[in-house]
Amino acid sequence: MKRVIDGKLYDTGTALEVATWNNGHYPGDFHRCEETLYGTRKGAWFLHGEGGALSAYAEAHGNDRCGGEALVPMTREQAFEWCQQRKVDPDVIQEHFSDLVEEA
C-alpha cells in the first residue's frame, strides 16, 4: 500500500516491517483488526492497519460500514509506545528503540 500524507510517501513495499499485531478475531469477523508497524530508511515510522466493519479501520459507505485500511504516520515515540502496548518481542523493541529502554 502506498499513500502520500503531508507531502511524504509512505510505502509498505519499501519500508522495513518491524512488528505485527492482531486482536485475535478470525479473518472475516467484523471486529478483526490487524496492524503492522513500519520504519523507513529516512527514519519515519508508520502503521498500516486494516480491519472489519466494526473495527477502528471501518469505512462508511452510505448508511453501512465495511472493512477498511489506513496508513497512519507516527513519531518514533508513538511507535515505541505502540510496541509496548502490543507486547512486541522485547528483542525487537531493543533493536529499534534501545535509547528509549532502560534497565529496571
PDB file of N, CA and C in Angstrom:
ATOM      1  N   MET A   1       0.850  -1.173   0.000  1.00  0.00           N
ATOM      2  CA  MET A   1       0.000   0.000   0.000  1.00  0.00           C
ATOM      3  C   MET A   1       0.892   1.230   0.000  1.00  0.00           C
ATOM      4  N   LYS A   2       0.522   2.210  -0.783  1.00  0.00           N
ATOM      5  CA  LYS A   2       1.240   3.480  -0.850  1.00  0.00           C
ATOM      6  C   LYS A   2       0.262   4.616  -0.613  1.00  0.00           C
ATOM      7  N   ARG A   3       0.711   5.604   0.126  1.00  0.00           N
ATOM      8  CA  ARG A   3      -0.089   6.820   0.321  1.00  0.00           C
ATOM      9  C   ARG A   3       0.863   8.004   0.484  1.00  0.00           C
ATOM     10  N   VAL A   4       0.469   9.149  -0.040  1.00  0.00           N
ATOM     11  CA  VAL A   4       1.181  10.393   0.217  1.00  0.00           C
ATOM     12  C   VAL A   4       0.398  11.121   1.294  1.00  0.00           C
ATOM     13  N   ILE A   5       1.066  11.401   2.420  1.00  0.00           N
ATOM     14  CA  ILE A   5       0.444  12.088   3.550  1.00  0.00           C
ATOM     15  C   ILE A   5       1.346  13.252   3.936  1.00  0.00           C
ATOM     16  N   ASP A   6       0.791  14.443   3.926  1.00  0.00           N
ATOM     17  CA  ASP A   6       1.558  15.662   4.230  1.00  0.00           C
ATOM     18  C   ASP A   6       2.830  15.759   3.390  1.00  0.00           C
ATOM     19  N   GLY A   7       2.708  15.396   2.113  1.00  0.00           N
ATOM     20  CA  GLY A   7       3.821  15.520   1.181  1.00  0.00           C
ATOM     21  C   GLY A   7       4.875  14.428   1.289  1.00  0.00           C
ATOM     22  N   LYS A   8       4.642  13.412   2.092  1.00  0.00           N
ATOM     23  CA  LYS A   8       5.599  12.314   2.251  1.00  0.00           C
ATOM     24  C   LYS A   8       4.976  11.016   1.752  1.00  0.00           C
ATOM     25  N   LEU A   9       5.794  10.227   1.034  1.00  0.00           N
ATOM     26  CA  LEU A   9       5.336   8.950   0.513  1.00  0.00           C
ATOM     27  C   LEU A   9       5.592   7.856   1.543  1.00  0.00           C
ATOM     28  N   TYR A  10       4.533   7.174   1.950  1.00  0.00           N
ATOM     29  CA  TYR A  10       4.620   6.022   2.841  1.00  0.00           C
ATOM     30  C   TYR A  10       4.292   4.797   2.004  1.00  0.00           C
ATOM     31  N   ASP A  11       5.221   3.824   1.976  1.00  0.00           N
ATOM     32  CA  ASP A  11       5.082   2.671   1.091  1.00  0.00           C
ATOM     33  C   ASP A  11       5.429   1.395   1.864  1.00  0.00           C
ATOM     34  N   THR A  12       4.451   0.537   2.045  1.00  0.00           N
ATOM     35  CA  THR A  12       4.701  -0.718   2.760  1.00  0.00           C
ATOM     36  C   THR A  12       5.631  -1.642   1.965  1.00  0.00           C
ATOM     37  N   GLY A  13       5.744  -1.411   0.673  1.00  0.00           N
ATOM     38  CA  GLY A  13       6.593  -2.251  -0.168  1.00  0.00           C
ATOM     39  C   GLY A  13       8.078  -1.965  -0.028  1.00  0.00           C
ATOM     40  N   THR A  14       8.437  -0.760   0.404  1.00  0.00           N
ATOM     41  CA  THR A  14       9.850  -0.410   0.517  1.00  0.00           C
ATOM     42  C   THR A  14      10.293  -0.192   1.964  1.00  0.00           C
ATOM     43  N   ALA A  15       9.363  -0.036   2.886  1.00  0.00           N
ATOM     44  CA  ALA A  15       9.703   0.186   4.291  1.00  0.00           C
ATOM     45  C   ALA A  15      10.018  -1.141   4.981  1.00  0.00           C
ATOM     46  N   LEU A  16      10.698  -1.061   6.120  1.00  0.00           N
ATOM     47  CA  LEU A  16      11.048  -2.232   6.907  1.00  0.00           C
ATOM     48  C   LEU A  16       9.889  -2.610   7.816  1.00  0.00           C
ATOM     49  N   GLU A  17       9.396  -3.834   7.686  1.00  0.00           N
ATOM     50  CA  GLU A  17       8.344  -4.325   8.578  1.00  0.00           C
ATOM     51  C   GLU A  17       8.985  -4.653   9.925  1.00  0.00           C
ATOM     52  N   VAL A  18       8.545  -3.966  10.975  1.00  0.00           N
ATOM     53  CA  VAL A  18       9.149  -4.106  12.296  1.00  0.00           C
ATOM     54  C   VAL A  18       8.379  -5.091  13.166  1.00  0.00           C
ATOM     55  N   ALA A  19       7.057  -4.974  13.189  1.00  0.00           N
ATOM     56  CA  ALA A  19       6.249  -5.843  14.050  1.00  0.00           C
ATOM     57  C   ALA A  19       4.817  -5.868  13.552  1.00  0.00           C
ATOM     58  N   THR A  20       4.120  -6.972  13.844  1.00  0.00           N
ATOM     59  CA  THR A  20       2.699  -7.073  13.512  1.00  0.00           C
ATOM     60  C   THR A  20       1.914  -7.466  14.757  1.00  0.00           C
ATOM     61  N   TRP A  21       0.640  -7.130  14.729  1.00  0.00           N
ATOM     62  CA  TRP A  21      -0.262  -7.446  15.832  1.00  0.00           C
ATOM     63  C   TRP A  21      -1.653  -7.647  15.257  1.00  0.00           C
ATOM     64  N   ASN A  22      -2.413  -8.559  15.858  1.00  0.00           N
ATOM     65  CA  ASN A  22      -3.843  -8.646  15.533  1.00  0.00           C
ATOM     66  C   ASN A  22      -4.589  -8.936  16.824  1.00  0.00           C
ATOM     67  N   ASN A  23      -5.860  -8.630  16.814  1.00  0.00           N
ATOM     68  CA  ASN A  23      -6.651  -8.751  18.042  1.00  0.00           C
ATOM     69  C   ASN A  23      -7.188 -10.155  18.290  1.00  0.00           C
ATOM     70  N   GLY A  24      -6.815 -11.110  17.465  1.00  0.00           N
ATOM     71  CA  GLY A  24      -7.197 -12.495  17.709  1.00  0.00           C
ATOM     72  C   GLY A  24      -8.530 -12.915  17.118  1.00  0.00           C
ATOM     73  N   HIS A  25      -9.267 -11.983  16.536  1.00  0.00           N
ATOM     74  CA  HIS A  25     -10.520 -12.363  15.883  1.00  0.00           C
ATOM     75  C   HIS A  25     -10.208 -13.037  14.547  1.00  0.00           C
ATOM     76  N   TYR A  26     -11.066 -13.918  14.145  1.00  0.00           N
ATOM     77  CA  TYR A  26     -10.859 -14.659  12.908  1.00  0.00           C
ATOM     78  C   TYR A  26     -11.022 -13.761  11.688  1.00  0.00           C
ATOM     79  N   PRO A  27     -10.283 -14.069  10.601  1.00  0.00           N
ATOM     80  CA  PRO A  27     -10.497 -13.329   9.360  1.00  0.00           C
ATOM     81  C   PRO A  27     -11.977 -13.405   8.973  1.00  0.00           C
ATOM     82  N   GLY A  28     -12.514 -12.318   8.532  1.00  0.00           N
ATOM     83  CA  GLY A  28     -13.930 -12.253   8.189  1.00  0.00           C
ATOM     84  C   GLY A  28     -14.799 -11.758   9.326  1.00  0.00           C
ATOM     85  N   ASP A  29     -14.306 -11.792  10.550  1.00  0.00           N
ATOM     86  CA  ASP A  29     -15.047 -11.266  11.704  1.00  0.00           C
ATOM     87  C   ASP A  29     -15.085  -9.743  11.594  1.00  0.00           C
ATOM     88  N   PHE A  30     -16.227  -9.146  11.837  1.00  0.00           N
ATOM     89  CA  PHE A  30     -16.375  -7.690  11.731  1.00  0.00           C
ATOM     90  C   PHE A  30     -15.479  -6.943  12.711  1.00  0.00           C
ATOM     91  N   HIS A  31     -15.075  -7.598  13.797  1.00  0.00           N
ATOM     92  CA  HIS A  31     -14.234  -6.956  14.810  1.00  0.00           C
ATOM     93  C   HIS A  31     -12.738  -7.136  14.536  1.00  0.00           C
ATOM     94  N   ARG A  32     -12.389  -7.940  13.555  1.00  0.00           N
ATOM     95  CA  ARG A  32     -10.986  -8.246  13.247  1.00  0.00           C
ATOM     96  C   ARG A  32     -10.197  -6.962  13.010  1.00  0.00           C
ATOM     97  N   CYS A  33      -9.004  -6.903  13.593  1.00  0.00           N
ATOM     98  CA  CYS A  33      -8.111  -5.763  13.418  1.00  0.00           C
ATOM     99  C   CYS A  33      -6.683  -6.283  13.355  1.00  0.00           C
ATOM    100  N   GLU A  34      -5.929  -5.845  12.369  1.00  0.00           N
ATOM    101  CA  GLU A  34      -4.530  -6.229  12.228  1.00  0.00           C
ATOM    102  C   GLU A  34      -3.713  -4.985  11.915  1.00  0.00           C
ATOM    103  N   GLU A  35      -2.576  -4.851  12.591  1.00  0.00           N
ATOM    104  CA  GLU A  35      -1.714  -3.692  12.401  1.00  0.00           C
ATOM    105  C   GLU A  35      -0.274  -4.151  12.191  1.00  0.00           C
ATOM    106  N   THR A  36       0.433  -3.419  11.337  1.00  0.00           N
ATOM    107  CA  THR A  36       1.849  -3.675  11.092  1.00  0.00           C
ATOM    108  C   THR A  36       2.589  -2.354  11.211  1.00  0.00           C
ATOM    109  N   LEU A  37       3.650  -2.358  12.014  1.00  0.00           N
ATOM    110  CA  LEU A  37       4.488  -1.177  12.199  1.00  0.00           C
ATOM    111  C   LEU A  37       5.639  -1.229  11.210  1.00  0.00           C
ATOM    112  N   TYR A  38       5.882  -0.105  10.537  1.00  0.00           N
ATOM    113  CA  TYR A  38       6.962   0.008   9.564  1.00  0.00           C
ATOM    114  C   TYR A  38       7.871   1.175   9.916  1.00  0.00           C
ATOM    115  N   GLY A  39       9.136   1.019   9.539  1.00  0.00           N
ATOM    116  CA  GLY A  39      10.105   2.107   9.627  1.00  0.00           C
ATOM    117  C   GLY A  39      10.727   2.315   8.254  1.00  0.00           C
ATOM    118  N   THR A  40      11.036   3.561   7.923  1.00  0.00           N
ATOM    119  CA  THR A  40      11.628   3.855   6.619  1.00  0.00           C
ATOM    120  C   THR A  40      13.132   4.095   6.753  1.00  0.00           C
ATOM    121  N   ARG A  41      13.809   4.085   5.623  1.00  0.00           N
ATOM    122  CA  ARG A  41      15.256   4.339   5.613  1.00  0.00           C
ATOM    123  C   ARG A  41      15.576   5.738   6.130  1.00  0.00           C
ATOM    124  N   LYS A  42      14.643   6.661   5.972  1.00  0.00           N
ATOM    125  CA  LYS A  42      14.878   8.038   6.422  1.00  0.00           C
ATOM    126  C   LYS A  42      14.460   8.261   7.877  1.00  0.00           C
ATOM    127  N   GLY A  43      14.040   7.212   8.558  1.00  0.00           N
ATOM    128  CA  GLY A  43      13.723   7.333   9.977  1.00  0.00           C
ATOM    129  C   GLY A  43      12.272   7.637  10.302  1.00  0.00           C
ATOM    130  N   ALA A  44      11.399   7.587   9.308  1.00  0.00           N
ATOM    131  CA  ALA A  44       9.967   7.806   9.565  1.00  0.00           C
ATOM    132  C   ALA A  44       9.333   6.495  10.034  1.00  0.00           C
ATOM    133  N   TRP A  45       8.257   6.615  10.777  1.00  0.00           N
ATOM    134  CA  TRP A  45       7.518   5.470  11.292  1.00  0.00           C
ATOM    135  C   TRP A  45       6.069   5.580  10.869  1.00  0.00           C
ATOM    136  N   PHE A  46       5.454   4.449  10.554  1.00  0.00           N
ATOM    137  CA  PHE A  46       4.029   4.461  10.233  1.00  0.00           C
ATOM    138  C   PHE A  46       3.413   3.100  10.486  1.00  0.00           C
ATOM    139  N   LEU A  47       2.113   3.132  10.628  1.00  0.00           N
ATOM    140  CA  LEU A  47       1.335   1.941  10.908  1.00  0.00           C
ATOM    141  C   LEU A  47       0.426   1.668   9.722  1.00  0.00           C
ATOM    142  N   HIS A  48       0.385   0.422   9.289  1.00  0.00           N
ATOM    143  CA  HIS A  48      -0.619   0.003   8.314  1.00  0.00           C
ATOM    144  C   HIS A  48      -1.631  -0.821   9.100  1.00  0.00           C
ATOM    145  N   GLY A  49      -2.870  -0.383   9.099  1.00  0.00           N
ATOM    146  CA  GLY A  49      -3.910  -1.106   9.802  1.00  0.00           C
ATOM    147  C   GLY A  49      -5.043  -1.461   8.871  1.00  0.00           C
ATOM    148  N   GLU A  50      -5.650  -2.593   9.168  1.00  0.00           N
ATOM    149  CA  GLU A  50      -6.841  -2.989   8.418  1.00  0.00           C
ATOM    150  C   GLU A  50      -7.752  -3.766   9.344  1.00  0.00           C
ATOM    151  N   GLY A  51      -9.030  -3.717   9.028  1.00  0.00           N
ATOM    152  CA  GLY A  51      -9.971  -4.402   9.882  1.00  0.00           C
ATOM    153  C   GLY A  51     -11.358  -4.482   9.298  1.00  0.00           C
ATOM    154  N   GLY A  52     -12.198  -5.152  10.047  1.00  0.00           N
ATOM    155  CA  GLY A  52     -13.574  -5.384   9.626  1.00  0.00           C
ATOM    156  C   GLY A  52     -14.488  -4.192   9.857  1.00  0.00           C
ATOM    157  N   ALA A  53     -15.758  -4.398   9.590  1.00  0.00           N
ATOM    158  CA  ALA A  53     -16.761  -3.335   9.625  1.00  0.00           C
ATOM    159  C   ALA A  53     -16.984  -2.756  11.025  1.00  0.00           C
ATOM    160  N   LEU A  54     -16.585  -3.463  12.066  1.00  0.00           N
ATOM    161  CA  LEU A  54     -16.742  -2.957  13.430  1.00  0.00           C
ATOM    162  C   LEU A  54     -15.388  -2.693  14.088  1.00  0.00           C
ATOM    163  N   SER A  55     -14.371  -2.492  13.282  1.00  0.00           N
ATOM    164  CA  SER A  55     -13.028  -2.206  13.791  1.00  0.00           C
ATOM    165  C   SER A  55     -12.726  -0.713  13.675  1.00  0.00           C
ATOM    166  N   ALA A  56     -11.586  -0.326  14.195  1.00  0.00           N
ATOM    167  CA  ALA A  56     -11.148   1.072  14.106  1.00  0.00           C
ATOM    168  C   ALA A  56     -10.874   1.489  12.661  1.00  0.00           C
ATOM    169  N   TYR A  57     -10.728   0.534  11.764  1.00  0.00           N
ATOM    170  CA  TYR A  57     -10.408   0.837  10.369  1.00  0.00           C
ATOM    171  C   TYR A  57     -11.628   0.755   9.441  1.00  0.00           C
ATOM    172  N   ALA A  58     -12.803   0.607   9.999  1.00  0.00           N
ATOM    173  CA  ALA A  58     -14.028   0.536   9.202  1.00  0.00           C
ATOM    174  C   ALA A  58     -14.229   1.823   8.406  1.00  0.00           C
ATOM    175  N   GLU A  59     -14.866   1.681   7.272  1.00  0.00           N
ATOM    176  CA  GLU A  59     -15.171   2.828   6.420  1.00  0.00           C
ATOM    177  C   GLU A  59     -16.672   2.898   6.194  1.00  0.00           C
ATOM    178  N   ALA A  60     -17.186   4.113   6.216  1.00  0.00           N
ATOM    179  CA  ALA A  60     -18.609   4.322   5.981  1.00  0.00           C
ATOM    180  C   ALA A  60     -18.890   4.324   4.480  1.00  0.00           C
ATOM    181  N   HIS A  61     -19.977   3.664   4.113  1.00  0.00           N
ATOM    182  CA  HIS A  61     -20.464   3.647   2.733  1.00  0.00           C
ATOM    183  C   HIS A  61     -21.967   3.836   2.801  1.00  0.00           C
ATOM    184  N   GLY A  62     -22.396   5.077   2.655  1.00  0.00           N
ATOM    185  CA  GLY A  62     -23.814   5.376   2.815  1.00  0.00           C
ATOM    186  C   GLY A  62     -24.218   5.137   4.255  1.00  0.00           C
ATOM    187  N   ASN A  63     -25.250   4.333   4.453  1.00  0.00           N
ATOM    188  CA  ASN A  63     -25.701   4.000   5.806  1.00  0.00           C
ATOM    189  C   ASN A  63     -25.022   2.753   6.364  1.00  0.00           C
ATOM    190  N   ASP A  64     -24.121   2.161   5.604  1.00  0.00           N
ATOM    191  CA  ASP A  64     -23.441   0.943   6.020  1.00  0.00           C
ATOM    192  C   ASP A  64     -21.982   1.218   6.354  1.00  0.00           C
ATOM    193  N   ARG A  65     -21.382   0.245   7.006  1.00  0.00           N
ATOM    194  CA  ARG A  65     -19.953   0.277   7.278  1.00  0.00           C
ATOM    195  C   ARG A  65     -19.364  -1.019   6.739  1.00  0.00           C
ATOM    196  N   CYS A  66     -18.153  -0.914   6.212  1.00  0.00           N
ATOM    197  CA  CYS A  66     -17.465  -2.110   5.740  1.00  0.00           C
ATOM    198  C   CYS A  66     -16.021  -2.043   6.197  1.00  0.00           C
ATOM    199  N   GLY A  67     -15.311  -3.132   6.013  1.00  0.00           N
ATOM    200  CA  GLY A  67     -13.917  -3.170   6.398  1.00  0.00           C
ATOM    201  C   GLY A  67     -13.103  -2.154   5.624  1.00  0.00           C
ATOM    202  N   GLY A  68     -11.966  -1.780   6.187  1.00  0.00           N
ATOM    203  CA  GLY A  68     -11.111  -0.811   5.518  1.00  0.00           C
ATOM    204  C   GLY A  68      -9.679  -0.933   5.980  1.00  0.00           C
ATOM    205  N   GLU A  69      -8.856  -0.020   5.485  1.00  0.00           N
ATOM    206  CA  GLU A  69      -7.456   0.013   5.858  1.00  0.00           C
ATOM    207  C   GLU A  69      -6.953   1.441   5.821  1.00  0.00           C
ATOM    208  N   ALA A  70      -5.827   1.682   6.504  1.00  0.00           N
ATOM    209  CA  ALA A  70      -5.266   3.026   6.564  1.00  0.00           C
ATOM    210  C   ALA A  70      -3.779   2.961   6.849  1.00  0.00           C
ATOM    211  N   LEU A  71      -3.082   4.006   6.433  1.00  0.00           N
ATOM    212  CA  LEU A  71      -1.699   4.226   6.833  1.00  0.00           C
ATOM    213  C   LEU A  71      -1.713   5.392   7.810  1.00  0.00           C
ATOM    214  N   VAL A  72      -1.028   5.222   8.936  1.00  0.00           N
ATOM    215  CA  VAL A  72      -1.030   6.228   9.998  1.00  0.00           C
ATOM    216  C   VAL A  72       0.411   6.606  10.323  1.00  0.00           C
ATOM    217  N   PRO A  73       0.855   7.816   9.943  1.00  0.00           N
ATOM    218  CA  PRO A  73       2.198   8.260  10.318  1.00  0.00           C
ATOM    219  C   PRO A  73       2.313   8.363  11.836  1.00  0.00           C
ATOM    220  N   MET A  74       3.511   8.053  12.360  1.00  0.00           N
ATOM    221  CA  MET A  74       3.740   8.087  13.801  1.00  0.00           C
ATOM    222  C   MET A  74       5.099   8.719  14.075  1.00  0.00           C
ATOM    223  N   THR A  75       5.232   9.305  15.251  1.00  0.00           N
ATOM    224  CA  THR A  75       6.552   9.715  15.704  1.00  0.00           C
ATOM    225  C   THR A  75       7.280   8.471  16.200  1.00  0.00           C
ATOM    226  N   ARG A  76       8.552   8.585  16.401  1.00  0.00           N
ATOM    227  CA  ARG A  76       9.325   7.453  16.922  1.00  0.00           C
ATOM    228  C   ARG A  76       8.830   7.065  18.309  1.00  0.00           C
ATOM    229  N   GLU A  77       8.486   8.057  19.113  1.00  0.00           N
ATOM    230  CA  GLU A  77       7.984   7.797  20.461  1.00  0.00           C
ATOM    231  C   GLU A  77       6.632   7.084  20.416  1.00  0.00           C
ATOM    232  N   GLN A  78       5.780   7.470  19.468  1.00  0.00           N
ATOM    233  CA  GLN A  78       4.495   6.787  19.314  1.00  0.00           C
ATOM    234  C   GLN A  78       4.705   5.339  18.868  1.00  0.00           C
ATOM    235  N   ALA A  79       5.661   5.112  17.987  1.00  0.00           N
ATOM    236  CA  ALA A  79       5.965   3.754  17.538  1.00  0.00           C
ATOM    237  C   ALA A  79       6.469   2.915  18.709  1.00  0.00           C
ATOM    238  N   PHE A  80       7.320   3.479  19.539  1.00  0.00           N
ATOM    239  CA  PHE A  80       7.826   2.798  20.731  1.00  0.00           C
ATOM    240  C   PHE A  80       6.674   2.457  21.671  1.00  0.00           C
ATOM    241  N   GLU A  81       5.780   3.393  21.878  1.00  0.00           N
ATOM    242  CA  GLU A  81       4.620   3.178  22.754  1.00  0.00           C
ATOM    243  C   GLU A  81       3.714   2.086  22.182  1.00  0.00           C
ATOM    244  N   TRP A  82       3.500   2.113  20.867  1.00  0.00           N
ATOM    245  CA  TRP A  82       2.690   1.080  20.213  1.00  0.00           C
ATOM    246  C   TRP A  82       3.293  -0.297  20.479  1.00  0.00           C
ATOM    247  N   CYS A  83       4.610  -0.414  20.343  1.00  0.00           N
ATOM    248  CA  CYS A  83       5.289  -1.689  20.587  1.00  0.00           C
ATOM    249  C   CYS A  83       5.062  -2.177  22.014  1.00  0.00           C
ATOM    250  N   GLN A  84       5.133  -1.275  22.973  1.00  0.00           N
ATOM    251  CA  GLN A  84       4.918  -1.666  24.360  1.00  0.00           C
ATOM    252  C   GLN A  84       3.472  -2.092  24.595  1.00  0.00           C
ATOM    253  N   GLN A  85       2.525  -1.338  24.054  1.00  0.00           N
ATOM    254  CA  GLN A  85       1.110  -1.660  24.244  1.00  0.00           C
ATOM    255  C   GLN A  85       0.744  -2.982  23.586  1.00  0.00           C
ATOM    256  N   ARG A  86       1.366  -3.286  22.469  1.00  0.00           N
ATOM    257  CA  ARG A  86       1.041  -4.507  21.720  1.00  0.00           C
ATOM    258  C   ARG A  86       1.904  -5.695  22.143  1.00  0.00           C
ATOM    259  N   LYS A  87       2.729  -5.489  23.177  1.00  0.00           N
ATOM    260  CA  LYS A  87       3.583  -6.552  23.725  1.00  0.00           C
ATOM    261  C   LYS A  87       4.479  -7.186  22.661  1.00  0.00           C
ATOM    262  N   VAL A  88       5.119  -6.318  21.870  1.00  0.00           N
ATOM    263  CA  VAL A  88       6.068  -6.760  20.848  1.00  0.00           C
ATOM    264  C   VAL A  88       7.269  -7.392  21.543  1.00  0.00           C
ATOM    265  N   ASP A  89       7.870  -8.362  20.911  1.00  0.00           N
ATOM    266  CA  ASP A  89       9.048  -9.054  21.444  1.00  0.00           C
ATOM    267  C   ASP A  89      10.070  -8.027  21.954  1.00  0.00           C
ATOM    268  N   PRO A  90      10.522  -8.169  23.202  1.00  0.00           N
ATOM    269  CA  PRO A  90      11.488  -7.217  23.766  1.00  0.00           C
ATOM    270  C   PRO A  90      12.771  -7.081  22.942  1.00  0.00           C
ATOM    271  N   ASP A  91      13.194  -8.145  22.267  1.00  0.00           N
ATOM    272  CA  ASP A  91      14.390  -8.050  21.427  1.00  0.00           C
ATOM    273  C   ASP A  91      14.160  -7.117  20.243  1.00  0.00           C
ATOM    274  N   VAL A  92      12.954  -7.134  19.689  1.00  0.00           N
ATOM    275  CA  VAL A  92      12.615  -6.235  18.580  1.00  0.00           C
ATOM    276  C   VAL A  92      12.587  -4.789  19.084  1.00  0.00           C
ATOM    277  N   ILE A  93      11.979  -4.578  20.242  1.00  0.00           N
ATOM    278  CA  ILE A  93      11.940  -3.229  20.825  1.00  0.00           C
ATOM    279  C   ILE A  93      13.359  -2.742  21.083  1.00  0.00           C
ATOM    280  N   GLN A  94      14.186  -3.580  21.672  1.00  0.00           N
ATOM    281  CA  GLN A  94      15.575  -3.213  21.978  1.00  0.00           C
ATOM    282  C   GLN A  94      16.349  -2.882  20.700  1.00  0.00           C
ATOM    283  N   GLU A  95      16.099  -3.636  19.638  1.00  0.00           N
ATOM    284  CA  GLU A  95      16.801  -3.417  18.373  1.00  0.00           C
ATOM    285  C   GLU A  95      16.510  -2.042  17.779  1.00  0.00           C
ATOM    286  N   HIS A  96      15.260  -1.597  17.873  1.00  0.00           N
ATOM    287  CA  HIS A  96      14.859  -0.354  17.209  1.00  0.00           C
ATOM    288  C   HIS A  96      14.761   0.856  18.138  1.00  0.00           C
ATOM    289  N   PHE A  97      14.657   0.611  19.426  1.00  0.00           N
ATOM    290  CA  PHE A  97      14.431   1.711  20.368  1.00  0.00           C
ATOM    291  C   PHE A  97      15.338   1.604  21.600  1.00  0.00           C
ATOM    292  N   SER A  98      16.560   1.125  21.430  1.00  0.00           N
ATOM    293  CA  SER A  98      17.432   0.858  22.580  1.00  0.00           C
ATOM    294  C   SER A  98      17.683   2.111  23.427  1.00  0.00           C
ATOM    295  N   ASP A  99      17.705   3.273  22.793  1.00  0.00           N
ATOM    296  CA  ASP A  99      17.941   4.500  23.561  1.00  0.00           C
ATOM    297  C   ASP A  99      16.730   4.911  24.407  1.00  0.00           C
ATOM    298  N   LEU A 100      15.578   4.312  24.145  1.00  0.00           N
ATOM    299  CA  LEU A 100      14.375   4.637  24.917  1.00  0.00           C
ATOM    300  C   LEU A 100      14.096   3.604  26.020  1.00  0.00           C
ATOM    301  N   VAL A 101      14.895   2.537  26.038  1.00  0.00           N
ATOM    302  CA  VAL A 101      14.707   1.463  27.016  1.00  0.00           C
ATOM    303  C   VAL A 101      15.810   1.549  28.067  1.00  0.00           C
ATOM    304  N   GLU A 102      15.421   1.458  29.331  1.00  0.00           N
ATOM    305  CA  GLU A 102      16.433   1.441  30.385  1.00  0.00           C
ATOM    306  C   GLU A 102      16.250   0.200  31.242  1.00  0.00           C
ATOM    307  N   GLU A 103      17.325  -0.236  31.829  1.00  0.00           N
ATOM    308  CA  GLU A 103      17.313  -1.408  32.700  1.00  0.00           C
ATOM    309  C   GLU A 103      16.483  -1.129  33.946  1.00  0.00           C
ATOM    310  N   ALA A 104      15.684  -2.098  34.366  1.00  0.00           N
ATOM    311  CA  ALA A 104      14.834  -1.931  35.552  1.00  0.00           C
ATOM    312  C   ALA A 104      15.654  -2.047  36.822  1.00  0.00           C
TER     313      ALA A 104
END
